[in-house]
Structures are given as structure tokens and as C-alpha cells.
Amino acid sequence: MDFFVQLLTNPVGFYNQHELLIAQIGINAILAIAIFVTFYSGQLTLANAAFMAIGAYTTVLMSLYLPTPLPVNMLAGALLAGLVSVLVGLPVLRLRGVFLAIATIGFVEALRLGVILNVPITGEGQGLHNPSADPLGGIVPILISLPILAYLVWRLTRSRLGQAWSAIREDELAASSNGINVPLYKMIAFIISAVLAGYAGALETHINFFVDPTEYGITRTIQILTFAVVGGVTNVFGPIVGAVFLTALPEIVRQFAAYRDVVNGIILILVIIFRPQGIVGRGGLAIVKPRWWIRWREHERPAAAH
């Protein structure tokens, strides 16, 4: 309760006290946007944790060994994630459903166990120290990037590209029969998702003094998936709401902070059972309507028909 009281009564003090939490909410929201893109195109891909790791490690390694400015390093990390997504997507995107999900999870673990934990330049299992970290200043690019990326992806869903994704999601065979180049449009979605995830990883390094290889495994993958399922994937704002809610929840209910994954799992089960379309689904926010409202609406419909 104190969390909301301070937010409403002293927003400046709330911001100063919870800067890192707000920054992490922004990072997770961008990751939620990334997984939304592939979901919107009908692809159950779970490789965003790996692309996030590529963005993060590329940014830090360039900061350590090259005299390039930080924005260039972050851009390079995002673009490299997009390039790797092409190499991964060519064989993997031929799969569908759970087989695609398993293949992309395999890529996450192959990158973490085969490269990050075994290549000396990545620090192997020890991680990397980030010399360009700025926990306080790093929140600014996150807060600027989030609304811009959300708006751009929302506009994409309203464009011809978004219509093609929607058609593929509804019926891939019918979309192909109507002249839509299904492999191309699926690859475009996969690349955009990877670039967004790589950019989120680059942004996260800017607020952390240390890059931890354990942050980019199965646990992070499931966390990103949970954002989308809890928030809903019918529009771009659903996963964002899921990310904000689940990231802020341990701070709101501090006595359960140590059981974050357990609480998230319970919430995920409840949402799947009682609100399968997510918090933000078709018809807007999921709000429990009182009985008098339902009775009034039922009474109004016959009257409107006359």
C-alpha cells in the first residue's frame, strides 16, 4: 500500500527512490514488445533471452576494447542480434508451434553454455565488468525508448506488414494462397524481435556494473513469455502491462519478494484459467463488473433494439 501512496502523493520522491525499479520495468517492457512481434505473426519463438545476451555482451566488449561511443556500441549490439537472428531463423522458422519453441530454447542454451560460458573474451562463467555503466543516467534512454518503440510497433500492426502478420497468424496456408510470402514475413518479424531484444540487453548493461551470464538462460526466457501471457497479446500494450505488473509486484508485496518466481507462476496459472486472453485482451482491460452493471446492460440492449 505504501508503494501506491508514495506514487500518488509524492511522485518525485517515488522516482528518486525507485529509479532502478523503473529502469528494470522499462527493460522488461521492451522485451515484452519484442516477444509480442513474433507472437503477433503467429510464431511461438522463445529466443529473446539469447538475443538480449548478444546485445549486452557486444555493448560491453566494445566499451572495453574499442574507443567507440556508447550509443554506437548499443546500436552495434542490437544490429548484431538482428544479424544472428537471420542465421538462426533460416533453419528454425520452418518449424511450427511447440517444435519452434523448443528449437529457440535450444538456441538460448547453446549460446549460453557453448559460447558465453566457454569463450575467454566473454569472461566465461565469471561475467564481465562494465566500465560504461551509469545506473542513474541509464534510465533516461530507457524512458525515451519505451514509448517510441511501443508506438512504432503499434503502427506496424496497423500497416500492410501487420496485416500480413495477422493473416499468417490466423491461417498460414490461407495467407500463402492469397499471395503472402509467409517465410519472408515471418523472418521480418523474427529479425525485428531480435533487434528489440538486443537493444533491451544493451540498455540493461548501461544500468549494471556487471554482466551476469546467468541472466540470459531459461529463467529469463520464461519470464519474458510470462509477460506476454499475463498481459495478453491481442495488442502491443498487453505485454507491456504484463511486464509492468510482474516487475513491480515484488516491490508492491515485499513480504513475497523472495518467492517472486512462485508468485509469478501462480499468477500465470490464474490468468490462464480465468482470463486466457490476458489482463489486456479483446475488449480492453479485464475489469470485474458488478452485478448491477451487468443487469443494467442486459436491460439496455433490448431497449436499444426497439
C-alpha atoms as a PDB file:
ATOM      1  CA  MET A   1       0.000   0.000   0.000  1.00  0.00           C
ATOM      2  CA  ASP A   2       2.867   2.401   0.788  1.00  0.00           C
ATOM      3  CA  PHE A   3       4.070   1.842  -2.776  1.00  0.00           C
ATOM      4  CA  PHE A   4       0.892   3.330  -4.265  1.00  0.00           C
ATOM      5  CA  VAL A   5       0.552   6.026  -1.612  1.00  0.00           C
ATOM      6  CA  GLN A   6       4.009   7.384  -2.395  1.00  0.00           C
ATOM      7  CA  LEU A   7       3.382   7.087  -6.141  1.00  0.00           C
ATOM      8  CA  LEU A   8       0.216   9.185  -5.906  1.00  0.00           C
ATOM      9  CA  THR A   9       1.254  11.671  -3.229  1.00  0.00           C
ATOM     10  CA  ASN A  10       4.965  12.151  -3.916  1.00  0.00           C
ATOM     11  CA  PRO A  11       5.813  11.121  -7.495  1.00  0.00           C
ATOM     12  CA  VAL A  12       9.194  12.887  -7.441  1.00  0.00           C
ATOM     13  CA  GLY A  13      10.239  11.088  -4.263  1.00  0.00           C
ATOM     14  CA  PHE A  14       8.881   7.840  -5.703  1.00  0.00           C
ATOM     15  CA  TYR A  15      11.006   8.281  -8.828  1.00  0.00           C
ATOM     16  CA  ASN A  16      14.151   9.045  -6.819  1.00  0.00           C
ATOM     17  CA  GLN A  17      13.627   6.061  -4.527  1.00  0.00           C
ATOM     18  CA  HIS A  18      12.716   3.552  -7.239  1.00  0.00           C
ATOM     19  CA  GLU A  19      14.893   4.595 -10.187  1.00  0.00           C
ATOM     20  CA  LEU A  20      16.408   1.159 -10.719  1.00  0.00           C
ATOM     21  CA  LEU A  21      12.984  -0.493 -10.455  1.00  0.00           C
ATOM     22  CA  ILE A  22      11.582   1.912 -13.048  1.00  0.00           C
ATOM     23  CA  ALA A  23      14.571   1.221 -15.292  1.00  0.00           C
ATOM     24  CA  GLN A  24      14.043  -2.544 -14.994  1.00  0.00           C
ATOM     25  CA  ILE A  25      10.346  -2.122 -15.743  1.00  0.00           C
ATOM     26  CA  GLY A  26      11.315  -0.277 -18.921  1.00  0.00           C
ATOM     27  CA  ILE A  27      13.769  -3.008 -19.943  1.00  0.00           C
ATOM     28  CA  ASN A  28      11.224  -5.752 -19.360  1.00  0.00           C
ATOM     29  CA  ALA A  29       8.573  -3.778 -21.233  1.00  0.00           C
ATOM     30  CA  ILE A  30      10.848  -3.558 -24.295  1.00  0.00           C
ATOM     31  CA  LEU A  31      11.458  -7.316 -24.048  1.00  0.00           C
ATOM     32  CA  ALA A  32       7.691  -7.786 -23.887  1.00  0.00           C
ATOM     33  CA  ILE A  33       7.312  -5.726 -27.069  1.00  0.00           C
ATOM     34  CA  ALA A  34       9.945  -7.936 -28.717  1.00  0.00           C
ATOM     35  CA  ILE A  35       8.099 -11.176 -27.976  1.00  0.00           C
ATOM     36  CA  PHE A  36       4.814  -9.556 -28.994  1.00  0.00           C
ATOM     37  CA  VAL A  37       6.102  -9.057 -32.540  1.00  0.00           C
ATOM     38  CA  THR A  38       6.728 -12.769 -33.079  1.00  0.00           C
ATOM     39  CA  PHE A  39       3.503 -13.751 -31.322  1.00  0.00           C
ATOM     40  CA  TYR A  40       1.557 -11.325 -33.494  1.00  0.00           C
ATOM     41  CA  SER A  41       2.951 -13.043 -36.580  1.00  0.00           C
ATOM     42  CA  GLY A  42       1.918 -16.453 -35.262  1.00  0.00           C
ATOM     43  CA  GLN A  43       5.345 -17.652 -34.099  1.00  0.00           C
ATOM     44  CA  LEU A  44       5.992 -19.200 -30.697  1.00  0.00           C
ATOM     45  CA  THR A  45       9.656 -18.201 -30.552  1.00  0.00           C
ATOM     46  CA  LEU A  46      11.492 -18.054 -27.220  1.00  0.00           C
ATOM     47  CA  ALA A  47      14.946 -16.885 -28.278  1.00  0.00           C
ATOM     48  CA  ASN A  48      14.784 -13.327 -26.949  1.00  0.00           C
ATOM     49  CA  ALA A  49      16.979 -14.051 -23.920  1.00  0.00           C
ATOM     50  CA  ALA A  50      19.774 -15.114 -26.305  1.00  0.00           C
ATOM     51  CA  PHE A  51      19.398 -12.016 -28.474  1.00  0.00           C
ATOM     52  CA  MET A  52      19.387  -9.938 -25.310  1.00  0.00           C
ATOM     53  CA  ALA A  53      22.697 -11.547 -24.307  1.00  0.00           C
ATOM     54  CA  ILE A  54      24.173 -10.738 -27.736  1.00  0.00           C
ATOM     55  CA  GLY A  55      23.208  -7.088 -27.365  1.00  0.00           C
ATOM     56  CA  ALA A  56      24.526  -6.905 -23.812  1.00  0.00           C
ATOM     57  CA  TYR A  57      27.880  -8.620 -24.401  1.00  0.00           C
ATOM     58  CA  THR A  58      28.539  -6.788 -27.670  1.00  0.00           C
ATOM     59  CA  THR A  59      27.953  -3.431 -25.996  1.00  0.00           C
ATOM     60  CA  VAL A  60      30.239  -4.176 -23.059  1.00  0.00           C
ATOM     61  CA  LEU A  61      33.012  -5.775 -25.150  1.00  0.00           C
ATOM     62  CA  MET A  62      33.093  -2.784 -27.493  1.00  0.00           C
ATOM     63  CA  SER A  63      33.252  -0.468 -24.469  1.00  0.00           C
ATOM     64  CA  LEU A  64      36.181  -2.480 -23.116  1.00  0.00           C
ATOM     65  CA  TYR A  65      38.258  -2.835 -26.275  1.00  0.00           C
ATOM     66  CA  LEU A  66      37.191  -0.100 -28.723  1.00  0.00           C
ATOM     67  CA  PRO A  67      37.175   3.712 -28.427  1.00  0.00           C
ATOM     68  CA  THR A  68      33.669   3.938 -29.897  1.00  0.00           C
ATOM     69  CA  PRO A  69      30.959   5.926 -28.067  1.00  0.00           C
ATOM     70  CA  LEU A  70      28.313   4.103 -26.063  1.00  0.00           C
ATOM     71  CA  PRO A  71      25.383   4.792 -28.455  1.00  0.00           C
ATOM     72  CA  VAL A  72      27.383   3.209 -31.296  1.00  0.00           C
ATOM     73  CA  ASN A  73      28.145   0.186 -29.122  1.00  0.00           C
ATOM     74  CA  MET A  74      24.476  -0.228 -28.221  1.00  0.00           C
ATOM     75  CA  LEU A  75      23.396   0.089 -31.843  1.00  0.00           C
ATOM     76  CA  ALA A  76      26.010  -2.473 -32.872  1.00  0.00           C
ATOM     77  CA  GLY A  77      24.732  -4.882 -30.221  1.00  0.00           C
ATOM     78  CA  ALA A  78      21.148  -4.573 -31.466  1.00  0.00           C
ATOM     79  CA  LEU A  79      22.165  -4.967 -35.121  1.00  0.00           C
ATOM     80  CA  LEU A  80      24.367  -7.983 -34.376  1.00  0.00           C
ATOM     81  CA  ALA A  81      21.400  -9.620 -32.647  1.00  0.00           C
ATOM     82  CA  GLY A  82      19.387  -8.988 -35.813  1.00  0.00           C
ATOM     83  CA  LEU A  83      22.139 -10.497 -37.980  1.00  0.00           C
ATOM     84  CA  VAL A  84      22.352 -13.624 -35.825  1.00  0.00           C
ATOM     85  CA  SER A  85      18.562 -13.934 -35.987  1.00  0.00           C
ATOM     86  CA  VAL A  86      18.816 -14.308 -39.770  1.00  0.00           C
ATOM     87  CA  LEU A  87      21.286 -17.186 -39.405  1.00  0.00           C
ATOM     88  CA  VAL A  88      19.125 -18.826 -36.732  1.00  0.00           C
ATOM     89  CA  GLY A  89      15.830 -18.132 -38.469  1.00  0.00           C
ATOM     90  CA  LEU A  90      16.698 -19.687 -41.826  1.00  0.00           C
ATOM     91  CA  PRO A  91      16.606 -23.283 -40.497  1.00  0.00           C
ATOM     92  CA  VAL A  92      14.442 -22.753 -37.391  1.00  0.00           C
ATOM     93  CA  LEU A  93      11.470 -20.840 -38.796  1.00  0.00           C
ATOM     94  CA  ARG A  94      10.465 -23.834 -40.894  1.00  0.00           C
ATOM     95  CA  LEU A  95       9.180 -25.342 -37.662  1.00  0.00           C
ATOM     96  CA  ARG A  96       5.851 -24.510 -36.057  1.00  0.00           C
ATOM     97  CA  GLY A  97       4.244 -24.406 -32.635  1.00  0.00           C
ATOM     98  CA  VAL A  98       5.930 -26.250 -29.801  1.00  0.00           C
ATOM     99  CA  PHE A  99       8.719 -27.510 -32.078  1.00  0.00           C
ATOM    100  CA  LEU A 100       9.673 -23.922 -32.884  1.00  0.00           C
ATOM    101  CA  ALA A 101       9.581 -23.046 -29.182  1.00  0.00           C
ATOM    102  CA  ILE A 102      11.855 -25.979 -28.287  1.00  0.00           C
ATOM    103  CA  ALA A 103      14.300 -25.131 -31.088  1.00  0.00           C
ATOM    104  CA  THR A 104      14.597 -21.493 -29.988  1.00  0.00           C
ATOM    105  CA  ILE A 105      15.038 -22.516 -26.351  1.00  0.00           C
ATOM    106  CA  GLY A 106      17.802 -24.798 -27.559  1.00  0.00           C
ATOM    107  CA  PHE A 107      19.453 -21.805 -29.208  1.00  0.00           C
ATOM    108  CA  VAL A 108      19.293 -19.886 -25.916  1.00  0.00           C
ATOM    109  CA  GLU A 109      21.053 -22.657 -24.039  1.00  0.00           C
ATOM    110  CA  ALA A 110      23.538 -23.333 -26.850  1.00  0.00           C
ATOM    111  CA  LEU A 111      24.602 -19.681 -26.851  1.00  0.00           C
ATOM    112  CA  ARG A 112      24.880 -19.509 -23.064  1.00  0.00           C
ATOM    113  CA  LEU A 113      26.575 -22.866 -22.458  1.00  0.00           C
ATOM    114  CA  GLY A 114      28.551 -23.127 -25.674  1.00  0.00           C
ATOM    115  CA  VAL A 115      29.748 -19.540 -26.109  1.00  0.00           C
ATOM    116  CA  ILE A 116      29.219 -17.253 -23.116  1.00  0.00           C
ATOM    117  CA  LEU A 117      30.418 -19.755 -20.502  1.00  0.00           C
ATOM    118  CA  ASN A 118      33.326 -21.125 -22.566  1.00  0.00           C
ATOM    119  CA  VAL A 119      34.862 -18.279 -24.570  1.00  0.00           C
ATOM    120  CA  PRO A 120      37.563 -16.320 -22.679  1.00  0.00           C
ATOM    121  CA  ILE A 121      36.606 -12.929 -24.154  1.00  0.00           C
ATOM    122  CA  THR A 122      33.133 -13.161 -22.584  1.00  0.00           C
ATOM    123  CA  GLY A 123      34.620 -13.819 -19.149  1.00  0.00           C
ATOM    124  CA  GLU A 124      33.464 -17.424 -19.301  1.00  0.00           C
ATOM    125  CA  GLY A 125      31.429 -18.124 -16.157  1.00  0.00           C
ATOM    126  CA  GLN A 126      32.749 -15.060 -14.333  1.00  0.00           C
ATOM    127  CA  GLY A 127      30.849 -12.469 -16.372  1.00  0.00           C
ATOM    128  CA  LEU A 128      32.166  -9.057 -17.391  1.00  0.00           C
ATOM    129  CA  HIS A 129      32.752  -5.768 -15.618  1.00  0.00           C
ATOM    130  CA  ASN A 130      31.054  -2.896 -17.426  1.00  0.00           C
ATOM    131  CA  PRO A 131      33.149   0.307 -17.388  1.00  0.00           C
ATOM    132  CA  SER A 132      30.462   2.461 -19.012  1.00  0.00           C
ATOM    133  CA  ALA A 133      27.644   1.700 -16.570  1.00  0.00           C
ATOM    134  CA  ASP A 134      25.628   4.662 -15.312  1.00  0.00           C
ATOM    135  CA  PRO A 135      22.754   3.397 -13.122  1.00  0.00           C
ATOM    136  CA  LEU A 136      21.227   6.840 -12.671  1.00  0.00           C
ATOM    137  CA  GLY A 137      21.796   8.279 -16.144  1.00  0.00           C
ATOM    138  CA  GLY A 138      20.959   4.993 -17.832  1.00  0.00           C
ATOM    139  CA  ILE A 139      17.280   5.332 -17.028  1.00  0.00           C
ATOM    140  CA  VAL A 140      16.845   8.280 -19.422  1.00  0.00           C
ATOM    141  CA  PRO A 141      17.376   6.368 -22.710  1.00  0.00           C
ATOM    142  CA  ILE A 142      15.110   3.607 -21.379  1.00  0.00           C
ATOM    143  CA  LEU A 143      12.259   6.014 -20.644  1.00  0.00           C
ATOM    144  CA  ILE A 144      12.710   7.653 -24.041  1.00  0.00           C
ATOM    145  CA  SER A 145      12.979   4.385 -25.965  1.00  0.00           C
ATOM    146  CA  LEU A 146       9.968   2.595 -24.475  1.00  0.00           C
ATOM    147  CA  PRO A 147       7.141   4.861 -25.735  1.00  0.00           C
ATOM    148  CA  ILE A 148       8.846   5.323 -29.103  1.00  0.00           C
ATOM    149  CA  LEU A 149       9.243   1.580 -29.668  1.00  0.00           C
ATOM    150  CA  ALA A 150       5.722   0.851 -28.436  1.00  0.00           C
ATOM    151  CA  TYR A 151       4.300   3.429 -30.850  1.00  0.00           C
ATOM    152  CA  LEU A 152       6.374   2.172 -33.790  1.00  0.00           C
ATOM    153  CA  VAL A 153       5.347  -1.452 -33.227  1.00  0.00           C
ATOM    154  CA  TRP A 154       1.714  -0.386 -32.805  1.00  0.00           C
ATOM    155  CA  ARG A 155       1.933   1.436 -36.129  1.00  0.00           C
ATOM    156  CA  LEU A 156       3.470  -1.661 -37.710  1.00  0.00           C
ATOM    157  CA  THR A 157       0.457  -3.729 -36.651  1.00  0.00           C
ATOM    158  CA  ARG A 158      -1.757  -1.222 -38.494  1.00  0.00           C
ATOM    159  CA  SER A 159       0.326  -1.314 -41.679  1.00  0.00           C
ATOM    160  CA  ARG A 160       0.283  -3.783 -44.578  1.00  0.00           C
ATOM    161  CA  LEU A 161       3.110  -5.627 -42.850  1.00  0.00           C
ATOM    162  CA  GLY A 162       0.984  -6.017 -39.724  1.00  0.00           C
ATOM    163  CA  GLN A 163      -1.981  -7.182 -41.795  1.00  0.00           C
ATOM    164  CA  ALA A 164       0.229  -9.847 -43.376  1.00  0.00           C
ATOM    165  CA  TRP A 165       1.385 -10.964 -39.911  1.00  0.00           C
ATOM    166  CA  SER A 166      -2.217 -11.149 -38.747  1.00  0.00           C
ATOM    167  CA  ALA A 167      -3.216 -13.213 -41.773  1.00  0.00           C
ATOM    168  CA  ILE A 168      -0.325 -15.618 -41.169  1.00  0.00           C
ATOM    169  CA  ARG A 169      -1.287 -15.928 -37.511  1.00  0.00           C
ATOM    170  CA  GLU A 170      -4.902 -16.764 -38.339  1.00  0.00           C
ATOM    171  CA  ASP A 171      -4.211 -19.249 -41.154  1.00  0.00           C
ATOM    172  CA  GLU A 172      -0.761 -19.672 -42.629  1.00  0.00           C
ATOM    173  CA  LEU A 173      -1.975 -21.783 -45.571  1.00  0.00           C
ATOM    174  CA  ALA A 174      -4.718 -19.317 -46.495  1.00  0.00           C
ATOM    175  CA  ALA A 175      -2.259 -16.427 -46.269  1.00  0.00           C
ATOM    176  CA  SER A 176       0.115 -18.216 -48.618  1.00  0.00           C
ATOM    177  CA  SER A 177      -2.756 -18.934 -51.023  1.00  0.00           C
ATOM    178  CA  ASN A 178      -3.520 -15.208 -51.149  1.00  0.00           C
ATOM    179  CA  GLY A 179      -0.032 -14.314 -52.328  1.00  0.00           C
ATOM    180  CA  ILE A 180       1.600 -13.509 -48.976  1.00  0.00           C
ATOM    181  CA  ASN A 181       5.254 -14.559 -48.836  1.00  0.00           C
ATOM    182  CA  VAL A 182       4.941 -16.358 -45.497  1.00  0.00           C
ATOM    183  CA  PRO A 183       8.647 -17.231 -44.933  1.00  0.00           C
ATOM    184  CA  LEU A 184       9.697 -13.648 -45.687  1.00  0.00           C
ATOM    185  CA  TYR A 185       7.159 -12.026 -43.371  1.00  0.00           C
ATOM    186  CA  LYS A 186       7.935 -14.488 -40.576  1.00  0.00           C
ATOM    187  CA  MET A 187      11.629 -13.735 -40.962  1.00  0.00           C
ATOM    188  CA  ILE A 188      10.977  -9.978 -40.814  1.00  0.00           C
ATOM    189  CA  ALA A 189       9.079 -10.424 -37.545  1.00  0.00           C
ATOM    190  CA  PHE A 190      11.851 -12.614 -36.150  1.00  0.00           C
ATOM    191  CA  ILE A 191      14.532 -10.054 -37.052  1.00  0.00           C
ATOM    192  CA  ILE A 192      12.578  -7.118 -35.587  1.00  0.00           C
ATOM    193  CA  SER A 193      12.009  -9.084 -32.378  1.00  0.00           C
ATOM    194  CA  ALA A 194      15.727  -9.940 -32.160  1.00  0.00           C
ATOM    195  CA  VAL A 195      16.804  -6.313 -32.712  1.00  0.00           C
ATOM    196  CA  LEU A 196      14.428  -5.132 -29.983  1.00  0.00           C
ATOM    197  CA  ALA A 197      15.670  -7.806 -27.562  1.00  0.00           C
ATOM    198  CA  GLY A 198      19.305  -6.990 -28.403  1.00  0.00           C
ATOM    199  CA  TYR A 199      18.599  -3.315 -27.794  1.00  0.00           C
ATOM    200  CA  ALA A 200      16.990  -4.167 -24.436  1.00  0.00           C
ATOM    201  CA  GLY A 201      20.123  -6.102 -23.491  1.00  0.00           C
ATOM    202  CA  ALA A 202      22.310  -3.151 -24.483  1.00  0.00           C
ATOM    203  CA  LEU A 203      20.169  -0.793 -22.409  1.00  0.00           C
ATOM    204  CA  GLU A 204      20.322  -3.092 -19.396  1.00  0.00           C
ATOM    205  CA  THR A 205      24.116  -3.088 -19.405  1.00  0.00           C
ATOM    206  CA  HIS A 206      24.013   0.701 -19.094  1.00  0.00           C
ATOM    207  CA  ILE A 207      22.404   0.429 -15.642  1.00  0.00           C
ATOM    208  CA  ASN A 208      24.513  -2.514 -14.382  1.00  0.00           C
ATOM    209  CA  PHE A 209      28.205  -2.555 -13.459  1.00  0.00           C
ATOM    210  CA  PHE A 210      28.375  -6.289 -14.112  1.00  0.00           C
ATOM    211  CA  VAL A 211      27.106  -8.543 -16.899  1.00  0.00           C
ATOM    212  CA  ASP A 212      25.981 -11.813 -15.321  1.00  0.00           C
ATOM    213  CA  PRO A 213      25.792 -14.794 -17.720  1.00  0.00           C
ATOM    214  CA  THR A 214      23.131 -16.467 -15.568  1.00  0.00           C
ATOM    215  CA  GLU A 215      20.693 -13.697 -16.517  1.00  0.00           C
ATOM    216  CA  TYR A 216      20.289 -14.989 -20.063  1.00  0.00           C
ATOM    217  CA  GLY A 217      19.055 -18.531 -19.633  1.00  0.00           C
ATOM    218  CA  ILE A 218      15.783 -20.434 -19.413  1.00  0.00           C
ATOM    219  CA  THR A 219      14.584 -18.463 -16.382  1.00  0.00           C
ATOM    220  CA  ARG A 220      14.753 -15.171 -18.291  1.00  0.00           C
ATOM    221  CA  THR A 221      13.094 -16.827 -21.287  1.00  0.00           C
ATOM    222  CA  ILE A 222      10.126 -17.993 -19.215  1.00  0.00           C
ATOM    223  CA  GLN A 223       9.909 -14.593 -17.545  1.00  0.00           C
ATOM    224  CA  ILE A 224       9.579 -12.838 -20.908  1.00  0.00           C
ATOM    225  CA  LEU A 225       6.957 -15.367 -22.018  1.00  0.00           C
ATOM    226  CA  THR A 226       5.025 -14.752 -18.805  1.00  0.00           C
ATOM    227  CA  PHE A 227       4.875 -11.012 -19.512  1.00  0.00           C
ATOM    228  CA  ALA A 228       3.110 -11.716 -22.790  1.00  0.00           C
ATOM    229  CA  VAL A 229       0.722 -14.376 -21.477  1.00  0.00           C
ATOM    230  CA  VAL A 230      -0.316 -12.402 -18.386  1.00  0.00           C
ATOM    231  CA  GLY A 231      -0.691  -9.101 -20.228  1.00  0.00           C
ATOM    232  CA  GLY A 232      -2.253 -10.516 -23.397  1.00  0.00           C
ATOM    233  CA  VAL A 233      -1.025 -10.490 -26.990  1.00  0.00           C
ATOM    234  CA  THR A 234      -4.005  -9.061 -28.884  1.00  0.00           C
ATOM    235  CA  ASN A 235      -2.257  -5.669 -28.951  1.00  0.00           C
ATOM    236  CA  VAL A 236       1.178  -4.298 -28.129  1.00  0.00           C
ATOM    237  CA  PHE A 237       0.092  -2.779 -24.825  1.00  0.00           C
ATOM    238  CA  GLY A 238      -0.858  -6.141 -23.306  1.00  0.00           C
ATOM    239  CA  PRO A 239       2.699  -7.485 -22.882  1.00  0.00           C
ATOM    240  CA  ILE A 240       3.801  -4.054 -21.635  1.00  0.00           C
ATOM    241  CA  VAL A 241       1.125  -4.153 -18.923  1.00  0.00           C
ATOM    242  CA  GLY A 242       2.212  -7.688 -18.022  1.00  0.00           C
ATOM    243  CA  ALA A 243       5.839  -6.585 -17.753  1.00  0.00           C
ATOM    244  CA  VAL A 244       4.992  -3.573 -15.593  1.00  0.00           C
ATOM    245  CA  PHE A 245       2.728  -5.591 -13.310  1.00  0.00           C
ATOM    246  CA  LEU A 246       5.041  -8.563 -12.774  1.00  0.00           C
ATOM    247  CA  THR A 247       8.218  -6.475 -12.423  1.00  0.00           C
ATOM    248  CA  ALA A 248       6.687  -4.116  -9.859  1.00  0.00           C
ATOM    249  CA  LEU A 249       4.859  -6.854  -7.931  1.00  0.00           C
ATOM    250  CA  PRO A 250       7.780  -7.844  -5.619  1.00  0.00           C
ATOM    251  CA  GLU A 251       8.132  -4.198  -4.580  1.00  0.00           C
ATOM    252  CA  ILE A 252       4.390  -3.848  -4.014  1.00  0.00           C
ATOM    253  CA  VAL A 253       4.158  -7.022  -1.922  1.00  0.00           C
ATOM    254  CA  ARG A 254       7.573  -7.065  -0.278  1.00  0.00           C
ATOM    255  CA  GLN A 255       6.848  -9.961   2.056  1.00  0.00           C
ATOM    256  CA  PHE A 256       6.660 -12.241  -1.004  1.00  0.00           C
ATOM    257  CA  ALA A 257       9.689 -10.786  -2.828  1.00  0.00           C
ATOM    258  CA  ALA A 258      11.797 -13.871  -2.033  1.00  0.00           C
ATOM    259  CA  TYR A 259       9.146 -16.038  -3.711  1.00  0.00           C
ATOM    260  CA  ARG A 260       8.927 -13.978  -6.891  1.00  0.00           C
ATOM    261  CA  ASP A 261       9.027 -16.919  -9.309  1.00  0.00           C
ATOM    262  CA  VAL A 262       6.442 -18.834  -7.264  1.00  0.00           C
ATOM    263  CA  VAL A 263       4.080 -15.840  -7.195  1.00  0.00           C
ATOM    264  CA  ASN A 264       4.549 -15.267 -10.922  1.00  0.00           C
ATOM    265  CA  GLY A 265       3.737 -18.920 -11.565  1.00  0.00           C
ATOM    266  CA  ILE A 266       0.551 -18.719  -9.512  1.00  0.00           C
ATOM    267  CA  ILE A 267      -0.494 -15.544 -11.333  1.00  0.00           C
ATOM    268  CA  LEU A 268       0.209 -17.198 -14.676  1.00  0.00           C
ATOM    269  CA  ILE A 269      -1.984 -20.189 -13.784  1.00  0.00           C
ATOM    270  CA  LEU A 270      -4.816 -17.944 -12.583  1.00  0.00           C
ATOM    271  CA  VAL A 271      -4.679 -15.836 -15.740  1.00  0.00           C
ATOM    272  CA  ILE A 272      -4.718 -18.914 -17.987  1.00  0.00           C
ATOM    273  CA  ILE A 273      -7.761 -20.302 -16.130  1.00  0.00           C
ATOM    274  CA  PHE A 274      -9.837 -17.158 -15.585  1.00  0.00           C
ATOM    275  CA  ARG A 275      -8.541 -14.676 -18.182  1.00  0.00           C
ATOM    276  CA  PRO A 276      -6.870 -16.617 -21.028  1.00  0.00           C
ATOM    277  CA  GLN A 277      -6.752 -13.500 -23.235  1.00  0.00           C
ATOM    278  CA  GLY A 278      -4.622 -11.728 -20.603  1.00  0.00           C
ATOM    279  CA  ILE A 279      -5.126  -8.637 -18.471  1.00  0.00           C
ATOM    280  CA  VAL A 280      -5.425  -6.555 -21.626  1.00  0.00           C
ATOM    281  CA  GLY A 281      -7.380  -8.655 -24.081  1.00  0.00           C
ATOM    282  CA  ARG A 282     -10.173  -8.095 -26.534  1.00  0.00           C
ATOM    283  CA  GLY A 283     -12.475  -5.536 -25.015  1.00  0.00           C
ATOM    284  CA  GLY A 284      -9.765  -3.680 -23.093  1.00  0.00           C
ATOM    285  CA  LEU A 285      -8.640  -4.095 -19.505  1.00  0.00           C
ATOM    286  CA  ALA A 286     -10.002  -7.021 -17.600  1.00  0.00           C
ATOM    287  CA  ILE A 287     -12.297  -5.407 -15.042  1.00  0.00           C
ATOM    288  CA  VAL A 288     -14.645  -7.346 -12.811  1.00  0.00           C
ATOM    289  CA  LYS A 289     -18.053  -5.780 -13.419  1.00  0.00           C
ATOM    290  CA  PRO A 290     -20.586  -5.608 -10.571  1.00  0.00           C
ATOM    291  CA  ARG A 291     -23.880  -7.435 -10.939  1.00  0.00           C
ATOM    292  CA  TRP A 292     -25.930  -4.229 -11.125  1.00  0.00           C
ATOM    293  CA  TRP A 293     -23.862  -3.143 -14.151  1.00  0.00           C
ATOM    294  CA  ILE A 294     -24.423  -6.475 -15.914  1.00  0.00           C
ATOM    295  CA  ARG A 295     -28.190  -6.348 -15.210  1.00  0.00           C
ATOM    296  CA  TRP A 296     -28.353  -2.735 -16.443  1.00  0.00           C
ATOM    297  CA  ARG A 297     -26.534  -3.591 -19.662  1.00  0.00           C
ATOM    298  CA  GLU A 298     -28.845  -6.580 -20.271  1.00  0.00           C
ATOM    299  CA  HIS A 299     -31.839  -4.311 -19.764  1.00  0.00           C
ATOM    300  CA  GLU A 300     -30.458  -1.647 -22.117  1.00  0.00           C
ATOM    301  CA  ARG A 301     -29.799  -3.981 -25.071  1.00  0.00           C
ATOM    302  CA  PRO A 302     -33.489  -4.926 -25.697  1.00  0.00           C
ATOM    303  CA  ALA A 303     -34.483  -1.272 -25.308  1.00  0.00           C
ATOM    304  CA  ALA A 304     -31.893  -0.199 -27.877  1.00  0.00           C
ATOM    305  CA  ALA A 305     -33.204  -2.842 -30.314  1.00  0.00           C
ATOM    306  CA  HIS A 306     -36.617  -1.184 -30.287  1.00  0.00           C
END
